[in-house]
Amino acid sequence: MRERPQSVGVLILAAGKGIRMRSDKPKVLQPLLEEPVLYYPLKAASEAGMRNIAVLAGYRGELVEEYVKRDWPGTEVIWQRDQLGTGHAVKSAQGWWKRYDNLLVLSGDVPLVRHETLLSLRDEHIASSSACALMSFIADDPAGYGRLVRLADGGVRIVEQSDATEEELLIQEINAGVYLFNTAALSGVIDKLTNDNELGEYYLTDTVQLIDDTEGDIRVVFCGDPEELVGVNTPNDLARASAVLRKRILNSHMENGLKCMDPSTTWIGPRARIAPDVIFEPGVQLWGKSSIGNGCKVGAWSTLRDVSMGEGARVYGPSVISDSEIGGNTEIGPFAFLRMGVKMETGARVGRFVEVKNSTLGEGVKALHLSYLGDSSVGRNTNIGAGTITCNYDGARKNVTSIGDDCFVGSDTMFVAPVKMGDKATTAAGSVITKDIPDGSLGIARERQTNVDGWNERKGIVSGGVKKAGD
């Protein structure tokens, strides 16, 4: 009879304040490539196939809980109301983790950990039937970390820096703070923790020695890349982690076919997806849940955030696009600004110094010069003349402008919304449109031109300069 697979719960510790960040925001919510630090260990655990995940919240925990519920549905939030150490944190979640055979404990401030590393720890733990498997690495500068002390009898213990002797401080093998416990073994020792130490806290590290004292098998899994398990505690740590993640993400996309003209100035967020045959010019930034289709090209110094681009779309830089859906074979920019729910359908074009907000541009639409289209819909094959503005805000509400198919909008037209322009209609240049224009009609709304004869002489102006007094 096949044995039941062992279940694994994942507890991510995210209760700390992070005093050295000098911020009122919890350390795990500090931005790292525009995602919270906590995003990365959550992502690693998920990619490792671990679905039973809980986050332990404490300092400003309402912010942590809000983030987890919004971005990681199905992940539980457990509270540590008093921050009395890592051992107390794990004990606070005992009612949750006792339902699983094993418990992976992971810090919320290790954004560089890879899912492959977590899988190797899990596999070693289950294959060896250990009571506890933990990860270690060699640090050139071990200051601030707990030292892994290997005992003569083959056992191990972990000593926090504040409690270490001078000899122990010389040890460079570091406890990574990543553990996989057999929950039965952990339940047998968690209530035995004391806070008899320099900081007066309950250390999770003490469970290792307690398990070893009860002849439980302790396994140490060495990580050859110390970069992975270094915690983020200061703004400088954030910057270093950002550089590592940025390089990882860029390399991954370039291995998949991204042609990146200048990787040193290119930034890509961890949630972005890029098809193989895409070109990024220097200075491109791609953030959020952006998706770039095959054959696209993004021009220099453009920033895209939560943007989907269909095949063959082209952005001329610099341009800024956010929260928008860009169809295939479209053209945008340079110096274009698209935001808040823009939808461009196949073949539409937006040009120089054009801003589009919360609007739909149909197939083949052209708006190429110095225009603002807000809260509007523009039908297929319509031409928007230079200087066109949809006056969408009346001081209280945002109103809609609707422009039909095959229209010609003359330069410097102002649509005072709400207003509708029918199919195959035209506006005269310089018109202020306040009423609907029927299909096929010409809308003209401007004062008749008046010429004043002799204006220069009456104003005291003559050819070549100002008319002198007495002339």
Protein backbone atom coordinates (compact mmCIF):
# COMPACT_ATOMS: atom_id res chain seq x y z
CA MET A 1 0.00 0.00 0.00
CA ARG A 2 1.38 3.39 -1.02
CA GLU A 3 2.29 5.66 1.90
CA ARG A 4 0.44 8.94 2.30
CA PRO A 5 2.62 11.90 1.20
CA GLN A 6 3.82 13.93 4.14
CA SER A 7 2.13 17.29 4.45
CA VAL A 8 4.17 20.47 4.86
CA GLY A 9 2.97 23.75 6.33
CA VAL A 10 4.95 26.93 5.71
CA LEU A 11 5.13 29.60 8.41
CA ILE A 12 6.67 32.89 7.27
CA LEU A 13 7.75 35.10 10.16
CA ALA A 14 6.77 38.71 9.42
CA ALA A 15 6.09 40.24 12.82
CA GLY A 16 9.23 42.34 13.31
CA LYS A 17 9.43 46.11 13.11
CA GLY A 18 12.82 46.38 11.44
CA ILE A 19 14.19 49.30 13.47
CA ARG A 20 17.24 49.70 11.25
CA MET A 21 15.04 50.48 8.23
CA ARG A 22 14.19 53.81 9.88
CA SER A 23 10.61 53.51 8.69
CA ASP A 24 7.17 53.30 10.23
CA LYS A 25 6.29 50.65 7.65
CA PRO A 26 6.97 47.01 8.63
CA LYS A 27 10.27 45.69 7.31
CA VAL A 28 8.58 42.97 5.24
CA LEU A 29 6.52 45.60 3.37
CA GLN A 30 9.49 47.71 2.29
CA PRO A 31 9.48 47.95 -1.53
CA LEU A 32 11.94 45.81 -3.45
CA LEU A 33 11.62 46.11 -7.24
CA GLU A 34 8.18 47.60 -6.53
CA GLU A 35 7.01 44.52 -4.59
CA PRO A 36 7.09 44.13 -0.79
CA VAL A 37 10.04 42.15 0.59
CA LEU A 38 7.47 39.60 1.81
CA TYR A 39 6.43 38.88 -1.78
CA TYR A 40 9.64 36.98 -2.49
CA PRO A 41 9.60 34.26 0.22
CA LEU A 42 5.88 33.81 -0.48
CA LYS A 43 6.69 33.36 -4.16
CA ALA A 44 9.54 30.92 -3.43
CA ALA A 45 7.32 28.75 -1.22
CA SER A 46 4.53 28.77 -3.81
CA GLU A 47 6.88 27.88 -6.65
CA ALA A 48 8.17 24.99 -4.54
CA GLY A 49 4.63 23.61 -4.63
CA MET A 50 3.90 24.34 -0.98
CA ARG A 51 0.26 25.40 -0.71
CA ASN A 52 -0.33 25.44 3.06
CA ILE A 53 1.15 28.83 3.91
CA ALA A 54 0.62 31.18 6.84
CA VAL A 55 2.16 34.57 7.56
CA LEU A 56 2.82 35.59 11.14
CA ALA A 57 2.00 39.28 11.60
CA GLY A 58 2.92 41.54 14.49
CA TYR A 59 4.16 45.12 14.18
CA ARG A 60 1.67 47.10 12.04
CA GLY A 61 0.15 43.73 11.36
CA GLU A 62 -3.00 45.22 9.87
CA LEU A 63 -0.90 46.37 6.91
CA VAL A 64 0.65 42.93 6.50
CA GLU A 65 -2.76 41.28 6.74
CA GLU A 66 -4.23 43.66 4.16
CA TYR A 67 -1.43 42.88 1.71
CA VAL A 68 -1.64 39.11 2.18
CA LYS A 69 -5.42 38.98 1.81
CA ARG A 70 -5.31 41.15 -1.30
CA ASP A 71 -2.37 39.61 -3.16
CA TRP A 72 -2.12 36.08 -1.72
CA PRO A 73 -5.66 34.74 -1.28
CA GLY A 74 -5.72 31.41 0.52
CA THR A 75 -2.73 32.34 2.68
CA GLU A 76 -3.59 32.51 6.38
CA VAL A 77 -2.58 35.35 8.68
CA ILE A 78 -1.71 34.54 12.29
CA TRP A 79 -1.01 37.22 14.87
CA GLN A 80 1.86 37.49 17.32
CA ARG A 81 0.49 40.27 19.50
CA ASP A 82 3.65 40.53 21.62
CA GLN A 83 7.00 40.23 19.88
CA LEU A 84 8.90 38.05 22.36
CA GLY A 85 11.25 36.30 19.97
CA THR A 86 11.19 33.75 17.16
CA GLY A 87 10.41 30.85 19.50
CA HIS A 88 7.40 32.70 20.86
CA ALA A 89 6.37 33.48 17.25
CA VAL A 90 6.29 29.82 16.26
CA LYS A 91 4.50 28.88 19.47
CA SER A 92 1.86 31.52 18.69
CA ALA A 93 1.02 29.60 15.52
CA GLN A 94 1.01 26.14 17.13
CA GLY A 95 -2.73 25.70 16.72
CA TRP A 96 -2.24 26.09 12.97
CA TRP A 97 0.89 24.05 12.28
CA LYS A 98 -0.06 21.01 14.38
CA ARG A 99 -2.39 19.94 11.55
CA TYR A 100 0.62 19.19 9.31
CA ASP A 101 3.32 16.49 9.45
CA ASN A 102 6.10 19.01 8.92
CA LEU A 103 6.61 22.73 9.35
CA LEU A 104 8.88 24.92 7.22
CA VAL A 105 9.80 28.09 9.10
CA LEU A 106 11.05 30.89 6.89
CA SER A 107 11.85 34.52 7.63
CA GLY A 108 9.87 37.14 5.76
CA ASP A 109 13.01 39.20 5.14
CA VAL A 110 14.94 36.75 2.92
CA PRO A 111 13.88 37.87 -0.56
CA LEU A 112 16.70 36.11 -2.40
CA VAL A 113 15.85 32.55 -1.38
CA ARG A 114 15.11 30.30 -4.37
CA HIS A 115 12.36 27.72 -4.53
CA GLU A 116 14.94 25.11 -5.54
CA THR A 117 16.70 25.68 -2.22
CA LEU A 118 13.49 25.11 -0.27
CA LEU A 119 12.85 21.92 -2.26
CA SER A 120 16.32 20.60 -1.45
CA LEU A 121 15.70 21.20 2.26
CA ARG A 122 12.33 19.47 2.10
CA ASP A 123 13.70 16.48 0.21
CA GLU A 124 16.61 16.02 2.61
CA HIS A 125 14.34 16.30 5.64
CA ILE A 126 11.77 13.79 4.40
CA ALA A 127 14.30 11.33 2.96
CA SER A 128 16.29 11.25 6.21
CA SER A 129 13.21 11.27 8.48
CA SER A 130 14.96 13.93 10.54
CA ALA A 131 13.35 15.68 13.47
CA CYS A 132 14.70 18.97 12.17
CA ALA A 133 16.59 20.02 9.05
CA LEU A 134 18.10 23.48 8.97
CA MET A 135 20.11 25.50 6.49
CA SER A 136 23.51 27.05 6.97
CA PHE A 137 25.97 29.06 4.89
CA ILE A 138 29.45 30.51 5.19
CA ALA A 139 29.57 34.28 5.71
CA ASP A 140 32.67 36.39 5.11
CA ASP A 141 31.34 38.77 7.74
CA PRO A 142 29.14 36.83 10.19
CA ALA A 143 28.38 39.87 12.38
CA GLY A 144 24.75 39.92 13.47
CA TYR A 145 24.03 36.26 12.73
CA GLY A 146 23.65 33.21 14.94
CA ARG A 147 26.65 30.88 14.73
CA LEU A 148 26.26 27.18 13.97
CA VAL A 149 28.37 25.30 16.51
CA ARG A 150 29.20 21.73 15.51
CA LEU A 151 29.68 19.52 18.59
CA ALA A 152 32.23 16.75 19.06
CA ASP A 153 29.49 14.09 19.28
CA GLY A 154 28.15 15.10 15.85
CA GLY A 155 25.36 17.26 17.20
CA VAL A 156 24.85 20.96 16.59
CA ARG A 157 23.69 23.98 18.50
CA ILE A 158 23.03 27.56 17.49
CA VAL A 159 24.36 30.49 19.45
CA GLU A 160 22.99 33.99 18.93
CA GLN A 161 25.65 36.66 18.55
CA SER A 162 24.60 38.44 21.76
CA ASP A 163 25.22 35.23 23.73
CA ALA A 164 28.32 33.95 21.89
CA THR A 165 31.77 33.64 23.43
CA GLU A 166 34.78 35.26 21.77
CA GLU A 167 35.73 31.87 20.33
CA GLU A 168 32.23 31.27 18.97
CA LEU A 169 32.18 34.71 17.36
CA LEU A 170 35.03 33.55 15.11
CA ILE A 171 32.83 30.85 13.55
CA GLN A 172 31.81 31.72 9.99
CA GLU A 173 29.18 29.03 9.48
CA ILE A 174 25.88 30.81 9.98
CA ASN A 175 22.40 29.66 10.85
CA ALA A 176 20.24 30.78 7.91
CA GLY A 177 17.03 30.87 9.94
CA VAL A 178 15.33 28.36 7.63
CA TYR A 179 14.07 25.22 9.40
CA LEU A 180 11.97 22.21 8.53
CA PHE A 181 10.61 20.53 11.64
CA ASN A 182 8.77 17.31 12.18
CA THR A 183 5.79 18.84 13.98
CA ALA A 184 5.58 16.02 16.52
CA ALA A 185 9.22 16.68 17.51
CA LEU A 186 8.61 20.42 17.60
CA SER A 187 5.50 20.01 19.77
CA GLY A 188 7.60 18.05 22.26
CA VAL A 189 10.04 20.91 22.87
CA ILE A 190 8.28 24.19 22.05
CA ASP A 191 6.89 24.56 25.57
CA LYS A 192 10.35 24.03 27.07
CA LEU A 193 11.78 27.25 25.64
CA THR A 194 12.96 29.84 28.15
CA ASN A 195 14.02 33.44 27.80
CA ASP A 196 17.13 33.13 29.95
CA ASN A 197 19.42 35.00 27.57
CA GLU A 198 20.91 38.42 26.94
CA LEU A 199 17.82 39.77 25.12
CA GLY A 200 15.20 38.09 27.29
CA GLU A 201 13.56 36.50 24.24
CA TYR A 202 12.38 33.00 23.37
CA TYR A 203 14.72 31.78 20.63
CA LEU A 204 13.56 29.31 18.04
CA THR A 205 17.21 28.31 17.71
CA ASP A 206 17.02 26.72 21.16
CA THR A 207 14.61 24.09 19.83
CA VAL A 208 17.49 22.62 17.84
CA GLN A 209 19.49 21.80 20.96
CA LEU A 210 16.37 20.63 22.79
CA ILE A 211 15.57 18.22 19.95
CA ASP A 212 19.20 17.08 19.85
CA ASP A 213 19.11 16.48 23.62
CA THR A 214 16.12 14.16 23.16
CA GLU A 215 18.15 12.23 20.55
CA GLY A 216 16.17 13.62 17.66
CA ASP A 217 18.05 13.61 14.35
CA ILE A 218 19.25 17.07 13.28
CA ARG A 219 20.29 17.57 9.66
CA VAL A 220 22.23 20.59 8.42
CA VAL A 221 21.73 21.39 4.73
CA PHE A 222 24.50 23.61 3.46
CA CYS A 223 23.68 26.36 0.95
CA GLY A 224 26.59 27.14 -1.35
CA ASP A 225 25.22 30.56 -2.29
CA PRO A 226 25.23 32.69 0.87
CA GLU A 227 23.59 35.52 -1.04
CA GLU A 228 20.30 33.61 -1.04
CA LEU A 229 19.80 33.53 2.69
CA VAL A 230 21.04 36.91 3.80
CA GLY A 231 18.36 38.91 5.57
CA VAL A 232 17.31 42.42 4.59
CA ASN A 233 17.57 44.69 7.63
CA THR A 234 18.74 48.11 6.39
CA PRO A 235 18.26 50.37 3.36
CA ASN A 236 21.71 49.29 2.20
CA ASP A 237 20.59 45.65 2.39
CA LEU A 238 17.56 46.55 0.28
CA ALA A 239 19.80 48.11 -2.37
CA ARG A 240 22.06 45.06 -2.50
CA ALA A 241 19.10 42.69 -2.75
CA SER A 242 17.61 44.86 -5.49
CA ALA A 243 20.80 44.58 -7.55
CA VAL A 244 20.87 40.79 -7.22
CA LEU A 245 17.18 40.34 -8.07
CA ARG A 246 17.38 42.74 -10.99
CA LYS A 247 20.24 40.80 -12.52
CA ARG A 248 18.48 37.46 -11.96
CA ILE A 249 15.30 38.65 -13.62
CA LEU A 250 17.08 40.22 -16.58
CA ASN A 251 19.18 37.11 -17.19
CA SER A 252 16.09 34.92 -17.10
CA HIS A 253 14.29 37.03 -19.73
CA MET A 254 17.36 37.34 -21.94
CA GLU A 255 17.86 33.57 -21.83
CA ASN A 256 14.26 33.36 -23.06
CA GLY A 257 14.97 35.65 -26.01
CA LEU A 258 14.63 39.26 -24.80
CA LYS A 259 16.99 41.55 -26.73
CA CYS A 260 18.07 44.09 -24.16
CA MET A 261 20.25 46.84 -25.62
CA ASP A 262 21.62 48.00 -22.26
CA PRO A 263 20.99 45.67 -19.31
CA SER A 264 22.75 48.09 -16.97
CA THR A 265 19.89 50.61 -17.32
CA THR A 266 16.96 48.19 -17.68
CA TRP A 267 14.61 47.28 -14.81
CA ILE A 268 12.04 44.50 -14.93
CA GLY A 269 9.75 43.60 -12.03
CA PRO A 270 9.29 40.01 -10.86
CA ARG A 271 5.70 39.66 -12.07
CA ALA A 272 6.28 40.84 -15.65
CA ARG A 273 6.02 38.40 -18.58
CA ILE A 274 7.86 38.94 -21.85
CA ALA A 275 7.55 36.92 -25.07
CA PRO A 276 10.82 35.71 -26.65
CA ASP A 277 11.29 38.09 -29.60
CA VAL A 278 11.07 41.48 -27.87
CA ILE A 279 13.49 44.43 -27.98
CA PHE A 280 14.10 46.82 -25.10
CA GLU A 281 16.07 49.98 -25.81
CA PRO A 282 18.17 51.53 -22.98
CA GLY A 283 16.46 52.74 -19.82
CA VAL A 284 13.25 50.73 -20.11
CA GLN A 285 11.35 49.99 -16.88
CA LEU A 286 8.67 47.29 -16.80
CA TRP A 287 6.67 46.83 -13.59
CA GLY A 288 3.64 45.09 -12.12
CA LYS A 289 1.68 42.43 -13.98
CA SER A 290 2.84 43.61 -17.37
CA SER A 291 2.79 41.30 -20.38
CA ILE A 292 4.70 42.06 -23.57
CA GLY A 293 3.79 40.17 -26.73
CA ASN A 294 5.99 38.70 -29.42
CA GLY A 295 7.71 41.15 -31.74
CA CYS A 296 7.18 44.24 -29.59
CA LYS A 297 9.74 47.00 -29.22
CA VAL A 298 9.87 49.40 -26.27
CA GLY A 299 11.76 52.64 -26.82
CA ALA A 300 14.42 54.22 -24.65
CA TRP A 301 13.55 55.51 -21.18
CA SER A 302 9.93 54.34 -21.31
CA THR A 303 8.16 53.16 -18.16
CA LEU A 304 5.37 50.58 -18.35
CA ARG A 305 3.37 49.41 -15.35
CA ASP A 306 0.54 46.84 -15.42
CA VAL A 307 0.42 46.99 -19.21
CA SER A 308 -0.44 44.25 -21.70
CA MET A 309 0.93 44.69 -25.22
CA GLY A 310 -0.20 42.63 -28.20
CA GLU A 311 2.13 41.28 -30.86
CA GLY A 312 4.09 43.80 -32.89
CA ALA A 313 3.21 46.83 -30.77
CA ARG A 314 5.76 49.63 -30.71
CA VAL A 315 6.47 52.24 -28.04
CA TYR A 316 8.70 55.15 -29.00
CA GLY A 317 10.50 56.51 -26.00
CA PRO A 318 10.32 58.18 -23.73
CA SER A 319 6.68 57.31 -22.97
CA VAL A 320 4.80 56.36 -19.79
CA ILE A 321 2.00 53.76 -19.84
CA SER A 322 0.12 52.29 -16.88
CA ASP A 323 -2.96 50.12 -16.31
CA SER A 324 -3.58 49.81 -20.03
CA GLU A 325 -4.32 47.21 -22.69
CA ILE A 326 -2.41 47.81 -25.91
CA GLY A 327 -3.47 45.87 -28.99
CA GLY A 328 -1.26 44.38 -31.67
CA ASN A 329 0.57 46.50 -34.26
CA THR A 330 -0.14 49.71 -32.39
CA GLU A 331 2.25 52.65 -32.10
CA ILE A 332 2.71 54.93 -29.08
CA GLY A 333 4.89 57.97 -28.53
CA PRO A 334 7.33 59.50 -28.21
CA PHE A 335 6.41 61.51 -25.11
CA ALA A 336 3.00 59.82 -24.77
CA PHE A 337 1.22 59.27 -21.45
CA LEU A 338 -1.44 56.53 -21.18
CA ARG A 339 -3.04 55.69 -17.84
CA MET A 340 -6.01 54.36 -15.86
CA GLY A 341 -7.70 51.82 -18.07
CA VAL A 342 -6.75 52.81 -21.60
CA LYS A 343 -7.58 50.27 -24.31
CA MET A 344 -5.98 50.62 -27.74
CA GLU A 345 -7.24 48.25 -30.39
CA THR A 346 -5.28 46.83 -33.31
CA GLY A 347 -3.41 49.36 -35.42
CA ALA A 348 -4.28 52.43 -33.34
CA ARG A 349 -1.63 55.15 -33.07
CA VAL A 350 -0.94 57.70 -30.33
CA GLY A 351 1.79 60.23 -31.01
CA ARG A 352 3.83 63.05 -29.55
CA PHE A 353 2.66 64.70 -26.33
CA VAL A 354 -0.69 62.89 -26.34
CA GLU A 355 -2.28 61.92 -23.02
CA VAL A 356 -5.01 59.28 -22.89
CA LYS A 357 -6.86 58.39 -19.71
CA ASN A 358 -9.61 55.82 -19.11
CA SER A 359 -10.47 55.69 -22.80
CA THR A 360 -10.90 53.22 -25.65
CA LEU A 361 -9.33 53.88 -29.05
CA GLY A 362 -10.77 51.68 -31.81
CA GLU A 363 -8.93 49.95 -34.64
CA GLY A 364 -6.89 52.30 -36.78
CA VAL A 365 -7.52 55.42 -34.69
CA LYS A 366 -4.88 58.14 -35.04
CA ALA A 367 -4.21 60.77 -32.37
CA LEU A 368 -0.75 61.94 -33.29
CA HIS A 369 -0.16 65.40 -31.82
CA LEU A 370 -0.65 67.34 -28.59
CA SER A 371 -4.06 66.03 -27.48
CA TYR A 372 -5.86 64.95 -24.32
CA LEU A 373 -8.48 62.18 -24.47
CA GLY A 374 -10.01 61.46 -21.08
CA ASP A 375 -13.05 59.31 -20.24
CA SER A 376 -13.79 58.86 -23.91
CA SER A 377 -14.41 56.28 -26.60
CA VAL A 378 -13.16 56.75 -30.15
CA GLY A 379 -14.47 54.56 -32.96
CA ARG A 380 -12.61 52.76 -35.75
CA ASN A 381 -10.47 54.66 -38.27
CA THR A 382 -11.13 58.06 -36.70
CA ASN A 383 -8.54 60.83 -36.99
CA ILE A 384 -8.01 63.09 -33.97
CA GLY A 385 -6.50 66.43 -35.00
CA ALA A 386 -3.71 68.18 -33.14
CA GLY A 387 -4.70 69.98 -29.94
CA THR A 388 -7.96 68.08 -29.42
CA ILE A 389 -9.22 68.01 -25.82
CA THR A 390 -12.07 66.17 -24.17
CA CYS A 391 -13.21 68.49 -21.37
CA ASN A 392 -14.33 65.63 -19.15
CA TYR A 393 -14.47 67.22 -15.68
CA ASP A 394 -17.20 69.70 -14.79
CA GLY A 395 -15.95 70.35 -11.27
CA ALA A 396 -18.02 67.57 -9.72
CA ARG A 397 -18.11 64.60 -12.12
CA LYS A 398 -16.06 62.97 -14.85
CA ASN A 399 -18.20 62.93 -18.00
CA VAL A 400 -17.90 60.84 -21.15
CA THR A 401 -17.17 61.87 -24.73
CA SER A 402 -18.19 59.42 -27.45
CA ILE A 403 -16.70 59.77 -30.95
CA GLY A 404 -17.92 57.44 -33.68
CA ASP A 405 -16.33 55.44 -36.50
CA ASP A 406 -14.61 57.09 -39.51
CA CYS A 407 -14.74 60.57 -38.02
CA PHE A 408 -12.44 63.52 -38.68
CA VAL A 409 -11.84 65.73 -35.67
CA GLY A 410 -10.36 69.07 -36.70
CA SER A 411 -7.37 70.52 -34.92
CA ASP A 412 -7.96 72.36 -31.65
CA THR A 413 -11.43 70.90 -31.12
CA MET A 414 -12.72 70.91 -27.55
CA PHE A 415 -15.47 68.44 -26.63
CA VAL A 416 -17.36 69.65 -23.55
CA ALA A 417 -18.57 66.35 -22.11
CA PRO A 418 -21.00 64.71 -21.96
CA VAL A 419 -21.25 64.88 -25.74
CA LYS A 420 -21.51 62.46 -28.64
CA MET A 421 -20.14 62.63 -32.19
CA GLY A 422 -21.83 60.27 -34.65
CA ASP A 423 -20.20 58.04 -37.28
CA LYS A 424 -18.54 59.71 -40.30
CA ALA A 425 -18.93 63.13 -38.70
CA THR A 426 -16.49 66.05 -38.81
CA THR A 427 -15.62 68.99 -36.62
CA ALA A 428 -14.22 72.26 -37.91
CA ALA A 429 -10.83 73.25 -36.52
CA GLY A 430 -11.04 75.41 -33.42
CA SER A 431 -14.57 74.36 -32.49
CA VAL A 432 -15.93 74.06 -28.97
CA ILE A 433 -18.45 71.22 -29.20
CA THR A 434 -21.19 71.34 -26.57
CA LYS A 435 -23.97 69.50 -28.43
CA ASP A 436 -24.17 66.09 -30.05
CA ILE A 437 -23.15 65.88 -33.73
CA PRO A 438 -25.36 63.56 -35.83
CA ASP A 439 -23.92 60.90 -38.16
CA GLY A 440 -22.30 62.37 -41.25
CA SER A 441 -22.61 65.98 -40.07
CA LEU A 442 -20.12 68.82 -39.70
CA GLY A 443 -19.94 70.44 -36.28
CA ILE A 444 -18.84 74.09 -36.23
CA ALA A 445 -18.76 76.05 -32.99
CA ARG A 446 -16.63 79.18 -33.23
CA GLU A 447 -17.06 82.95 -33.62
CA ARG A 448 -17.15 84.42 -37.13
CA GLN A 449 -13.78 86.01 -38.04
CA THR A 450 -13.69 89.79 -38.02
CA ASN A 451 -10.89 91.83 -39.69
CA VAL A 452 -10.24 95.37 -38.42
CA ASP A 453 -8.77 97.58 -41.12
CA GLY A 454 -5.94 99.92 -40.21
CA TRP A 455 -5.27 98.15 -36.89
CA ASN A 456 -1.50 98.77 -36.90
CA GLU A 457 -1.80 102.53 -37.44
CA ARG A 458 -4.51 102.86 -34.80
CA LYS A 459 -2.25 101.07 -32.30
CA GLY A 460 0.72 103.34 -33.11
CA ILE A 461 2.63 100.68 -35.01
CA VAL A 462 4.38 101.31 -38.35
CA SER A 463 6.47 99.11 -40.53
CA GLY A 464 9.95 98.69 -39.07
CA GLY A 465 9.12 99.71 -35.52
CA VAL A 466 7.05 101.81 -33.12
CA LYS A 467 5.52 105.04 -34.38
CA LYS A 468 7.28 108.02 -32.78
CA ALA A 469 5.41 110.79 -31.02
CA GLY A 470 4.82 113.77 -33.27
CA ASP A 471 5.12 111.77 -36.52
